[in-house]
Structure formats: structure tokens, C-alpha cells
PDB file of all heavy atoms in Angstrom:
ATOM      1  N   LEU A   1     -14.536  -4.615  22.116  1.00  0.00           N
ATOM      2  CA  LEU A   1     -14.874  -4.950  23.496  1.00  0.00           C
ATOM      3  C   LEU A   1     -16.081  -5.883  23.562  1.00  0.00           C
ATOM      4  O   LEU A   1     -16.097  -6.835  24.351  1.00  0.00           O
ATOM      5  CB  LEU A   1     -15.143  -3.675  24.290  1.00  0.00           C
ATOM      6  CG  LEU A   1     -13.910  -2.791  24.527  1.00  0.00           C
ATOM      7  CD1 LEU A   1     -14.323  -1.421  25.039  1.00  0.00           C
ATOM      8  CD2 LEU A   1     -12.952  -3.454  25.508  1.00  0.00           C
ATOM      9  N   MET A   2     -17.068  -5.629  22.725  1.00  0.00           N
ATOM     10  CA  MET A   2     -18.218  -6.534  22.690  1.00  0.00           C
ATOM     11  C   MET A   2     -17.785  -7.931  22.247  1.00  0.00           C
ATOM     12  O   MET A   2     -18.240  -8.944  22.801  1.00  0.00           O
ATOM     13  CB  MET A   2     -19.287  -5.980  21.748  1.00  0.00           C
ATOM     14  CG  MET A   2     -20.083  -4.818  22.317  1.00  0.00           C
ATOM     15  SD  MET A   2     -21.066  -5.264  23.772  1.00  0.00           S
ATOM     16  CE  MET A   2     -22.275  -6.366  23.048  1.00  0.00           C
ATOM     17  N   ALA A   3     -16.892  -7.976  21.259  1.00  0.00           N
ATOM     18  CA  ALA A   3     -16.392  -9.279  20.814  1.00  0.00           C
ATOM     19  C   ALA A   3     -15.648  -9.984  21.938  1.00  0.00           C
ATOM     20  O   ALA A   3     -15.799 -11.192  22.144  1.00  0.00           O
ATOM     21  CB  ALA A   3     -15.489  -9.102  19.599  1.00  0.00           C
ATOM     22  N   LEU A   4     -14.847  -9.229  22.682  1.00  0.00           N
ATOM     23  CA  LEU A   4     -14.080  -9.818  23.782  1.00  0.00           C
ATOM     24  C   LEU A   4     -15.001 -10.441  24.824  1.00  0.00           C
ATOM     25  O   LEU A   4     -14.808 -11.600  25.229  1.00  0.00           O
ATOM     26  CB  LEU A   4     -13.204  -8.741  24.437  1.00  0.00           C
ATOM     27  CG  LEU A   4     -12.471  -9.158  25.718  1.00  0.00           C
ATOM     28  CD1 LEU A   4     -11.389 -10.182  25.398  1.00  0.00           C
ATOM     29  CD2 LEU A   4     -11.864  -7.933  26.403  1.00  0.00           C
ATOM     30  N   PHE A   5     -16.012  -9.682  25.246  1.00  0.00           N
ATOM     31  CA  PHE A   5     -16.885 -10.188  26.311  1.00  0.00           C
ATOM     32  C   PHE A   5     -17.833 -11.270  25.803  1.00  0.00           C
ATOM     33  O   PHE A   5     -18.256 -12.133  26.570  1.00  0.00           O
ATOM     34  CB  PHE A   5     -17.653  -9.031  26.957  1.00  0.00           C
ATOM     35  CG  PHE A   5     -16.788  -8.173  27.833  1.00  0.00           C
ATOM     36  CD1 PHE A   5     -16.434  -6.891  27.444  1.00  0.00           C
ATOM     37  CD2 PHE A   5     -16.300  -8.659  29.033  1.00  0.00           C
ATOM     38  CE1 PHE A   5     -15.611  -6.100  28.237  1.00  0.00           C
ATOM     39  CE2 PHE A   5     -15.478  -7.880  29.839  1.00  0.00           C
ATOM     40  CZ  PHE A   5     -15.133  -6.604  29.438  1.00  0.00           C
ATOM     41  N   ALA A   6     -18.133 -11.265  24.501  1.00  0.00           N
ATOM     42  CA  ALA A   6     -18.960 -12.325  23.944  1.00  0.00           C
ATOM     43  C   ALA A   6     -18.172 -13.627  23.817  1.00  0.00           C
ATOM     44  O   ALA A   6     -18.698 -14.716  24.072  1.00  0.00           O
ATOM     45  CB  ALA A   6     -19.501 -11.911  22.576  1.00  0.00           C
ATOM     46  N   GLU A   7     -16.906 -13.512  23.443  1.00  0.00           N
ATOM     47  CA  GLU A   7     -16.100 -14.701  23.201  1.00  0.00           C
ATOM     48  C   GLU A   7     -15.492 -15.281  24.470  1.00  0.00           C
ATOM     49  O   GLU A   7     -15.328 -16.499  24.587  1.00  0.00           O
ATOM     50  CB  GLU A   7     -14.977 -14.361  22.213  1.00  0.00           C
ATOM     51  CG  GLU A   7     -15.479 -14.029  20.810  1.00  0.00           C
ATOM     52  CD  GLU A   7     -14.401 -13.420  19.921  1.00  0.00           C
ATOM     53  OE1 GLU A   7     -13.260 -13.212  20.406  1.00  0.00           O
ATOM     54  OE2 GLU A   7     -14.695 -13.142  18.755  1.00  0.00           O
ATOM     55  N   GLN A   8     -15.152 -14.398  25.432  1.00  0.00           N
ATOM     56  CA  GLN A   8     -14.421 -14.884  26.596  1.00  0.00           C
ATOM     57  C   GLN A   8     -15.128 -14.595  27.925  1.00  0.00           C
ATOM     58  O   GLN A   8     -14.670 -15.050  28.971  1.00  0.00           O
ATOM     59  CB  GLN A   8     -13.025 -14.253  26.622  1.00  0.00           C
ATOM     60  CG  GLN A   8     -12.200 -14.588  25.381  1.00  0.00           C
ATOM     61  CD  GLN A   8     -10.769 -14.138  25.496  1.00  0.00           C
ATOM     62  OE1 GLN A   8     -10.148 -14.241  26.548  1.00  0.00           O
ATOM     63  NE2 GLN A   8     -10.222 -13.628  24.401  1.00  0.00           N
ATOM     64  N   GLY A   9     -16.191 -13.810  27.888  1.00  0.00           N
ATOM     65  CA  GLY A   9     -16.911 -13.501  29.117  1.00  0.00           C
ATOM     66  C   GLY A   9     -18.091 -14.440  29.309  1.00  0.00           C
ATOM     67  O   GLY A   9     -18.438 -15.228  28.439  1.00  0.00           O
ATOM     68  N   ASP A  10     -18.702 -14.356  30.472  1.00  0.00           N
ATOM     69  CA  ASP A  10     -19.845 -15.231  30.754  1.00  0.00           C
ATOM     70  C   ASP A  10     -20.960 -14.466  31.460  1.00  0.00           C
ATOM     71  O   ASP A  10     -21.684 -15.011  32.280  1.00  0.00           O
ATOM     72  CB  ASP A  10     -19.409 -16.425  31.607  1.00  0.00           C
ATOM     73  CG  ASP A  10     -18.753 -15.992  32.914  1.00  0.00           C
ATOM     74  OD1 ASP A  10     -18.615 -14.775  33.143  1.00  0.00           O
ATOM     75  OD2 ASP A  10     -18.382 -16.883  33.701  1.00  0.00           O
ATOM     76  N   ARG A  11     -21.079 -13.164  31.134  1.00  0.00           N
ATOM     77  CA  ARG A  11     -22.118 -12.352  31.752  1.00  0.00           C
ATOM     78  C   ARG A  11     -22.706 -11.426  30.700  1.00  0.00           C
ATOM     79  O   ARG A  11     -22.064 -11.166  29.668  1.00  0.00           O
ATOM     80  CB  ARG A  11     -21.533 -11.543  32.916  1.00  0.00           C
ATOM     81  CG  ARG A  11     -20.653 -10.384  32.492  1.00  0.00           C
ATOM     82  CD  ARG A  11     -19.411 -10.290  33.292  1.00  0.00           C
ATOM     83  NE  ARG A  11     -18.488 -11.355  32.930  1.00  0.00           N
ATOM     84  CZ  ARG A  11     -17.225 -11.386  33.286  1.00  0.00           C
ATOM     85  NH1 ARG A  11     -16.727 -10.428  34.024  1.00  0.00           N
ATOM     86  NH2 ARG A  11     -16.439 -12.377  32.927  1.00  0.00           N
ATOM     87  N   PRO A  12     -23.904 -10.924  30.923  1.00  0.00           N
ATOM     88  CA  PRO A  12     -24.529 -10.032  29.940  1.00  0.00           C
ATOM     89  C   PRO A  12     -23.691  -8.776  29.722  1.00  0.00           C
ATOM     90  O   PRO A  12     -23.183  -8.177  30.667  1.00  0.00           O
ATOM     91  CB  PRO A  12     -25.876  -9.691  30.577  1.00  0.00           C
ATOM     92  CG  PRO A  12     -26.130 -10.764  31.576  1.00  0.00           C
ATOM     93  CD  PRO A  12     -24.781 -11.178  32.084  1.00  0.00           C
ATOM     94  N   ALA A  13     -23.546  -8.392  28.472  1.00  0.00           N
ATOM     95  CA  ALA A  13     -22.798  -7.186  28.129  1.00  0.00           C
ATOM     96  C   ALA A  13     -23.538  -6.445  27.026  1.00  0.00           C
ATOM     97  O   ALA A  13     -24.136  -7.056  26.143  1.00  0.00           O
ATOM     98  CB  ALA A  13     -21.384  -7.529  27.661  1.00  0.00           C
ATOM     99  N   THR A  14     -23.504  -5.147  27.104  1.00  0.00           N
ATOM    100  CA  THR A  14     -24.079  -4.310  26.064  1.00  0.00           C
ATOM    101  C   THR A  14     -23.234  -3.060  25.927  1.00  0.00           C
ATOM    102  O   THR A  14     -22.302  -2.839  26.711  1.00  0.00           O
ATOM    103  CB  THR A  14     -25.542  -3.956  26.368  1.00  0.00           C
ATOM    104  OG1 THR A  14     -26.138  -3.359  25.208  1.00  0.00           O
ATOM    105  CG2 THR A  14     -25.647  -2.983  27.536  1.00  0.00           C
ATOM    106  N   ARG A  15     -23.546  -2.248  24.945  1.00  0.00           N
ATOM    107  CA  ARG A  15     -22.735  -1.055  24.731  1.00  0.00           C
ATOM    108  C   ARG A  15     -23.608   0.154  24.425  1.00  0.00           C
ATOM    109  O   ARG A  15     -24.725   0.031  23.931  1.00  0.00           O
ATOM    110  CB  ARG A  15     -21.757  -1.263  23.571  1.00  0.00           C
ATOM    111  CG  ARG A  15     -22.416  -1.444  22.213  1.00  0.00           C
ATOM    112  CD  ARG A  15     -21.399  -1.442  21.090  1.00  0.00           C
ATOM    113  NE  ARG A  15     -22.018  -1.737  19.796  1.00  0.00           N
ATOM    114  CZ  ARG A  15     -21.558  -1.336  18.620  1.00  0.00           C
ATOM    115  NH1 ARG A  15     -20.444  -0.619  18.563  1.00  0.00           N
ATOM    116  NH2 ARG A  15     -22.171  -1.645  17.496  1.00  0.00           N
ATOM    117  N   ILE A  16     -23.037   1.298  24.733  1.00  0.00           N
ATOM    118  CA  ILE A  16     -23.598   2.566  24.300  1.00  0.00           C
ATOM    119  C   ILE A  16     -22.457   3.332  23.647  1.00  0.00           C
ATOM    120  O   ILE A  16     -21.375   3.463  24.222  1.00  0.00           O
ATOM    121  CB  ILE A  16     -24.224   3.349  25.476  1.00  0.00           C
ATOM    122  CG1 ILE A  16     -24.716   4.719  24.984  1.00  0.00           C
ATOM    123  CG2 ILE A  16     -23.265   3.504  26.636  1.00  0.00           C
ATOM    124  CD1 ILE A  16     -25.502   5.487  26.040  1.00  0.00           C
ATOM    125  N   ALA A  17     -22.685   3.784  22.437  1.00  0.00           N
ATOM    126  CA  ALA A  17     -21.642   4.476  21.680  1.00  0.00           C
ATOM    127  C   ALA A  17     -22.251   5.679  20.974  1.00  0.00           C
ATOM    128  O   ALA A  17     -23.478   5.854  20.941  1.00  0.00           O
ATOM    129  CB  ALA A  17     -21.003   3.532  20.661  1.00  0.00           C
ATOM    130  N   ALA A  18     -21.394   6.515  20.421  1.00  0.00           N
ATOM    131  CA  ALA A  18     -21.869   7.680  19.678  1.00  0.00           C
ATOM    132  C   ALA A  18     -22.551   7.242  18.392  1.00  0.00           C
ATOM    133  O   ALA A  18     -22.288   6.168  17.851  1.00  0.00           O
ATOM    134  CB  ALA A  18     -20.707   8.603  19.366  1.00  0.00           C
ATOM    135  N   GLU A  19     -23.429   8.089  17.899  1.00  0.00           N
ATOM    136  CA  GLU A  19     -24.077   7.814  16.631  1.00  0.00           C
ATOM    137  C   GLU A  19     -23.065   7.952  15.493  1.00  0.00           C
ATOM    138  O   GLU A  19     -22.064   8.660  15.606  1.00  0.00           O
ATOM    139  CB  GLU A  19     -25.244   8.791  16.418  1.00  0.00           C
ATOM    140  CG  GLU A  19     -26.351   8.637  17.442  1.00  0.00           C
ATOM    141  CD  GLU A  19     -27.458   9.664  17.228  1.00  0.00           C
ATOM    142  OE1 GLU A  19     -27.625  10.129  16.084  1.00  0.00           O
ATOM    143  OE2 GLU A  19     -28.142  10.010  18.211  1.00  0.00           O
ATOM    144  N   ASP A  20     -23.350   7.260  14.403  1.00  0.00           N
ATOM    145  CA  ASP A  20     -22.496   7.361  13.220  1.00  0.00           C
ATOM    146  C   ASP A  20     -22.799   8.670  12.493  1.00  0.00           C
ATOM    147  O   ASP A  20     -23.512   8.711  11.478  1.00  0.00           O
ATOM    148  CB  ASP A  20     -22.723   6.169  12.293  1.00  0.00           C
ATOM    149  CG  ASP A  20     -22.132   4.890  12.847  1.00  0.00           C
ATOM    150  OD1 ASP A  20     -21.224   4.979  13.694  1.00  0.00           O
ATOM    151  OD2 ASP A  20     -22.572   3.810  12.435  1.00  0.00           O
ATOM    152  N   CYS A  21     -22.259   9.729  13.033  1.00  0.00           N
ATOM    153  CA  CYS A  21     -22.570  11.055  12.531  1.00  0.00           C
ATOM    154  C   CYS A  21     -21.433  12.007  12.884  1.00  0.00           C
ATOM    155  O   CYS A  21     -20.708  11.783  13.862  1.00  0.00           O
ATOM    156  CB  CYS A  21     -23.880  11.552  13.157  1.00  0.00           C
ATOM    157  SG  CYS A  21     -24.421  13.177  12.600  1.00  0.00           S
ATOM    158  N   PHE A  22     -21.243  13.048  12.077  1.00  0.00           N
ATOM    159  CA  PHE A  22     -20.302  14.100  12.447  1.00  0.00           C
ATOM    160  C   PHE A  22     -20.896  14.942  13.568  1.00  0.00           C
ATOM    161  O   PHE A  22     -22.094  14.873  13.858  1.00  0.00           O
ATOM    162  CB  PHE A  22     -19.975  14.974  11.232  1.00  0.00           C
ATOM    163  CG  PHE A  22     -19.331  14.221  10.110  1.00  0.00           C
ATOM    164  CD1 PHE A  22     -19.995  14.022   8.908  1.00  0.00           C
ATOM    165  CD2 PHE A  22     -18.057  13.693  10.252  1.00  0.00           C
ATOM    166  CE1 PHE A  22     -19.411  13.320   7.871  1.00  0.00           C
ATOM    167  CE2 PHE A  22     -17.450  12.997   9.219  1.00  0.00           C
ATOM    168  CZ  PHE A  22     -18.133  12.807   8.026  1.00  0.00           C
ATOM    169  N   ILE A  23     -20.055  15.751  14.175  1.00  0.00           N
ATOM    170  CA  ILE A  23     -20.471  16.539  15.341  1.00  0.00           C
ATOM    171  C   ILE A  23     -20.797  17.960  14.896  1.00  0.00           C
ATOM    172  O   ILE A  23     -20.076  18.573  14.107  1.00  0.00           O
ATOM    173  CB  ILE A  23     -19.367  16.531  16.411  1.00  0.00           C
ATOM    174  CG1 ILE A  23     -19.187  15.100  16.948  1.00  0.00           C
ATOM    175  CG2 ILE A  23     -19.694  17.483  17.549  1.00  0.00           C
ATOM    176  CD1 ILE A  23     -18.071  14.956  17.950  1.00  0.00           C
ATOM    177  N   ALA A  24     -21.880  18.483  15.440  1.00  0.00           N
ATOM    178  CA  ALA A  24     -22.340  19.822  15.083  1.00  0.00           C
ATOM    179  C   ALA A  24     -21.691  20.875  15.977  1.00  0.00           C
ATOM    180  O   ALA A  24     -21.178  20.587  17.058  1.00  0.00           O
ATOM    181  CB  ALA A  24     -23.857  19.905  15.219  1.00  0.00           C
ATOM    182  N   THR A  25     -21.732  22.113  15.499  1.00  0.00           N
ATOM    183  CA  THR A  25     -21.329  23.259  16.316  1.00  0.00           C
ATOM    184  C   THR A  25     -22.568  23.834  17.007  1.00  0.00           C
ATOM    185  O   THR A  25     -23.671  23.710  16.493  1.00  0.00           O
ATOM    186  CB  THR A  25     -20.690  24.335  15.414  1.00  0.00           C
ATOM    187  OG1 THR A  25     -19.590  23.756  14.739  1.00  0.00           O
ATOM    188  CG2 THR A  25     -20.207  25.522  16.230  1.00  0.00           C
ATOM    189  N   GLY A  26     -22.364  24.462  18.154  1.00  0.00           N
ATOM    190  CA  GLY A  26     -23.475  25.129  18.822  1.00  0.00           C
ATOM    191  C   GLY A  26     -24.121  24.259  19.886  1.00  0.00           C
ATOM    192  O   GLY A  26     -23.510  23.302  20.388  1.00  0.00           O
ATOM    193  N   PRO A  27     -25.354  24.543  20.227  1.00  0.00           N
ATOM    194  CA  PRO A  27     -26.010  23.845  21.351  1.00  0.00           C
ATOM    195  C   PRO A  27     -26.099  22.332  21.170  1.00  0.00           C
ATOM    196  O   PRO A  27     -26.181  21.598  22.153  1.00  0.00           O
ATOM    197  CB  PRO A  27     -27.406  24.484  21.372  1.00  0.00           C
ATOM    198  CG  PRO A  27     -27.230  25.815  20.729  1.00  0.00           C
ATOM    199  CD  PRO A  27     -26.189  25.624  19.670  1.00  0.00           C
ATOM    200  N   ALA A  28     -26.067  21.849  19.905  1.00  0.00           N
ATOM    201  CA  ALA A  28     -26.208  20.409  19.657  1.00  0.00           C
ATOM    202  C   ALA A  28     -24.870  19.684  19.631  1.00  0.00           C
ATOM    203  O   ALA A  28     -24.787  18.562  19.139  1.00  0.00           O
ATOM    204  CB  ALA A  28     -26.945  20.188  18.344  1.00  0.00           C
ATOM    205  N   TYR A  29     -23.825  20.310  20.187  1.00  0.00           N
ATOM    206  CA  TYR A  29     -22.476  19.737  20.078  1.00  0.00           C
ATOM    207  C   TYR A  29     -22.378  18.321  20.637  1.00  0.00           C
ATOM    208  O   TYR A  29     -21.544  17.530  20.204  1.00  0.00           O
ATOM    209  CB  TYR A  29     -21.457  20.647  20.778  1.00  0.00           C
ATOM    210  CG  TYR A  29     -21.519  20.640  22.278  1.00  0.00           C
ATOM    211  CD1 TYR A  29     -20.715  19.791  23.036  1.00  0.00           C
ATOM    212  CD2 TYR A  29     -22.393  21.477  22.966  1.00  0.00           C
ATOM    213  CE1 TYR A  29     -20.778  19.763  24.407  1.00  0.00           C
ATOM    214  CE2 TYR A  29     -22.456  21.458  24.343  1.00  0.00           C
ATOM    215  CZ  TYR A  29     -21.658  20.606  25.069  1.00  0.00           C
ATOM    216  OH  TYR A  29     -21.721  20.586  26.437  1.00  0.00           O
ATOM    217  N   ALA A  30     -23.202  17.979  21.637  1.00  0.00           N
ATOM    218  CA  ALA A  30     -23.111  16.655  22.260  1.00  0.00           C
ATOM    219  C   ALA A  30     -24.316  15.778  21.960  1.00  0.00           C
ATOM    220  O   ALA A  30     -24.451  14.703  22.546  1.00  0.00           O
ATOM    221  CB  ALA A  30     -22.938  16.802  23.767  1.00  0.00           C
ATOM    222  N   ALA A  31     -25.149  16.216  21.025  1.00  0.00           N
ATOM    223  CA  ALA A  31     -26.408  15.504  20.796  1.00  0.00           C
ATOM    224  C   ALA A  31     -26.207  14.083  20.298  1.00  0.00           C
ATOM    225  O   ALA A  31     -27.042  13.202  20.553  1.00  0.00           O
ATOM    226  CB  ALA A  31     -27.265  16.286  19.806  1.00  0.00           C
ATOM    227  N   THR A  32     -25.120  13.822  19.579  1.00  0.00           N
ATOM    228  CA  THR A  32     -24.885  12.477  19.026  1.00  0.00           C
ATOM    229  C   THR A  32     -24.003  11.611  19.919  1.00  0.00           C
ATOM    230  O   THR A  32     -23.689  10.479  19.561  1.00  0.00           O
ATOM    231  CB  THR A  32     -24.218  12.589  17.642  1.00  0.00           C
ATOM    232  OG1 THR A  32     -22.949  13.234  17.787  1.00  0.00           O
ATOM    233  CG2 THR A  32     -25.080  13.395  16.674  1.00  0.00           C
ATOM    234  N   LEU A  33     -23.616  12.126  21.070  1.00  0.00           N
ATOM    235  CA  LEU A  33     -22.633  11.451  21.923  1.00  0.00           C
ATOM    236  C   LEU A  33     -23.289  10.881  23.182  1.00  0.00           C
ATOM    237  O   LEU A  33     -24.342  11.348  23.616  1.00  0.00           O
ATOM    238  CB  LEU A  33     -21.548  12.452  22.332  1.00  0.00           C
ATOM    239  CG  LEU A  33     -20.850  13.217  21.206  1.00  0.00           C
ATOM    240  CD1 LEU A  33     -19.914  14.273  21.783  1.00  0.00           C
ATOM    241  CD2 LEU A  33     -20.086  12.256  20.307  1.00  0.00           C
TER     242      LEU A  33
END
């Protein structure tokens, strides 16, 4: 998607994605997301 908007779009674009990490069990289940 970043490539698409960089190559064919004409407005500022950025992204937020999950960390490159496995997901934990328990209270931290969403900490990397």
C-alpha cells in the first residue's frame, strides 16, 4: 500500500503496523499491535 501511494498517489501517506514480533498470551496480548 505504501508503494502504491508513493508511486501513483500525490498526497502524504504513512503507515502504522504491528511490530515484527510474535504475540504473547495474557494481558500483553495486544501490546505489539
